Amino acid sequence: MSYPLYILPKQFWVTKNSEWSVKEAKKYFKWFNFIKDNRLDDYLEDLSVEINNIDDLCYKMLDLLFDSEFSHIQDGGKLDLTNAGYALAADTSLFVSDHLFS
C-alpha cells in the first residue's frame, strides 16, 4: 500500500498556518472541503471497511499503525509516525468526525 499523503497546494508552503491571513485560511478551507469527500472514499477503500463498521476500522487501524509504512519504533519504545502515518491519522480523524456529525 502506498498511502496518499496530504500535500498542500504550493500557495500554502510559504507561510505557517498560524500566520495565515483570513483570506488564506478561507482558501485552505475551500481546498480542504474540495478534497475531503475523495479522501474519505479512498480511506474506506484502502482500509477495506464499511462506513458503519467502526469495530473493523479500529482493528484495521491498530494493525496499520505498526506497519513500517506508517510508523517505526524509536529507541526507548516511542512510536514515531511517518508522513503516511500522519495522513492515515488525519483521515481517521476526518472519518470519525464526519461519522459523528452525520
Protein backbone atom coordinates (compact mmCIF):
# COMPACT_ATOMS: atom_id res chain seq x y z
CA MET A 1 0.00 0.00 0.00
CA SER A 2 1.24 3.48 -0.77
CA TYR A 3 -0.98 5.67 1.34
CA PRO A 4 -1.77 9.12 -0.16
CA LEU A 5 -0.19 12.00 1.72
CA TYR A 6 -1.70 15.38 2.46
CA ILE A 7 0.22 17.62 0.11
CA LEU A 8 -0.86 21.21 0.33
CA PRO A 9 -1.03 23.36 -2.78
CA LYS A 10 2.19 25.39 -3.22
CA GLN A 11 0.47 28.62 -2.24
CA PHE A 12 0.36 27.34 1.36
CA TRP A 13 4.04 26.31 1.57
CA VAL A 14 5.43 29.77 2.26
CA THR A 15 3.51 30.85 5.35
CA LYS A 16 2.94 28.86 8.53
CA ASN A 17 -0.75 28.17 9.07
CA SER A 18 -0.66 30.12 12.34
CA GLU A 19 0.34 33.18 10.29
CA TRP A 20 -2.27 32.86 7.53
CA SER A 21 -4.50 35.79 6.79
CA VAL A 22 -8.26 35.29 6.86
CA LYS A 23 -8.19 35.14 3.07
CA GLU A 24 -5.51 32.41 3.09
CA ALA A 25 -7.39 30.44 5.73
CA LYS A 26 -10.56 30.61 3.64
CA LYS A 27 -8.64 29.37 0.59
CA TYR A 28 -7.28 26.47 2.63
CA PHE A 29 -10.76 25.66 3.94
CA LYS A 30 -12.12 25.66 0.39
CA TRP A 31 -9.29 23.37 -0.78
CA PHE A 32 -9.77 21.04 2.19
CA ASN A 33 -13.52 20.76 1.61
CA PHE A 34 -12.80 20.03 -2.06
CA ILE A 35 -10.57 17.03 -1.21
CA LYS A 36 -12.43 15.79 1.89
CA ASP A 37 -15.01 13.50 0.28
CA ASN A 38 -12.47 11.87 -2.03
CA ARG A 39 -10.10 11.28 0.88
CA LEU A 40 -12.89 9.65 2.90
CA ASP A 41 -13.88 7.42 -0.02
CA ASP A 42 -10.27 6.41 -0.63
CA TYR A 43 -9.72 5.87 3.09
CA LEU A 44 -12.58 3.37 3.37
CA GLU A 45 -11.49 1.64 0.17
CA ASP A 46 -7.83 1.42 1.25
CA LEU A 47 -8.80 0.02 4.65
CA SER A 48 -11.43 -2.30 3.12
CA VAL A 49 -14.04 -1.44 5.73
CA GLU A 50 -17.68 -0.48 5.50
CA ILE A 51 -18.63 3.03 6.58
CA ASN A 52 -20.72 1.86 9.55
CA ASN A 53 -18.34 -0.79 10.87
CA ILE A 54 -16.38 1.10 13.50
CA ASP A 55 -15.08 -2.09 15.16
CA ASP A 56 -13.39 -3.29 11.97
CA LEU A 57 -11.99 0.17 11.44
CA CYS A 58 -10.40 0.18 14.92
CA TYR A 59 -8.79 -3.23 14.42
CA LYS A 60 -7.51 -2.28 10.98
CA MET A 61 -6.05 0.97 12.33
CA LEU A 62 -4.20 -0.87 15.09
CA ASP A 63 -2.68 -3.22 12.53
CA LEU A 64 -1.70 -0.44 10.17
CA LEU A 65 -0.21 1.89 12.76
CA PHE A 66 2.55 -0.62 13.48
CA ASP A 67 3.29 -1.25 9.79
CA SER A 68 6.61 0.22 8.64
CA GLU A 69 4.85 2.41 6.07
CA PHE A 70 3.04 4.24 8.87
CA SER A 71 5.45 4.23 11.80
CA HIS A 72 8.64 2.97 13.33
CA ILE A 73 9.60 2.40 16.93
CA GLN A 74 12.41 4.55 18.21
CA ASP A 75 14.89 3.59 20.88
CA GLY A 76 13.02 3.61 24.14
CA GLY A 77 9.85 2.24 22.55
CA LYS A 78 8.32 5.51 21.35
CA LEU A 79 6.15 5.12 18.23
CA ASP A 80 7.15 7.67 15.58
CA LEU A 81 4.69 8.22 12.75
CA THR A 82 5.84 8.58 9.16
CA ASN A 83 4.25 11.09 6.79
CA ALA A 84 1.90 8.30 5.68
CA GLY A 85 1.11 7.62 9.35
CA TYR A 86 0.16 11.25 9.90
CA ALA A 87 -2.02 11.16 6.77
CA LEU A 88 -3.71 7.98 8.00
CA ALA A 89 -4.30 9.53 11.43
CA ALA A 90 -5.71 12.69 9.83
CA ASP A 91 -8.04 10.66 7.61
CA THR A 92 -9.16 8.61 10.61
CA SER A 93 -9.93 11.82 12.48
CA LEU A 94 -11.79 13.11 9.44
CA PHE A 95 -13.76 9.87 9.20
CA VAL A 96 -14.71 9.84 12.89
CA SER A 97 -15.79 13.50 12.91
CA ASP A 98 -17.75 13.05 9.69
CA HIS A 99 -19.36 9.89 11.06
CA LEU A 100 -20.30 11.52 14.38
CA PHE A 101 -21.91 14.54 12.75
CA SER A 102 -23.83 12.69 10.06
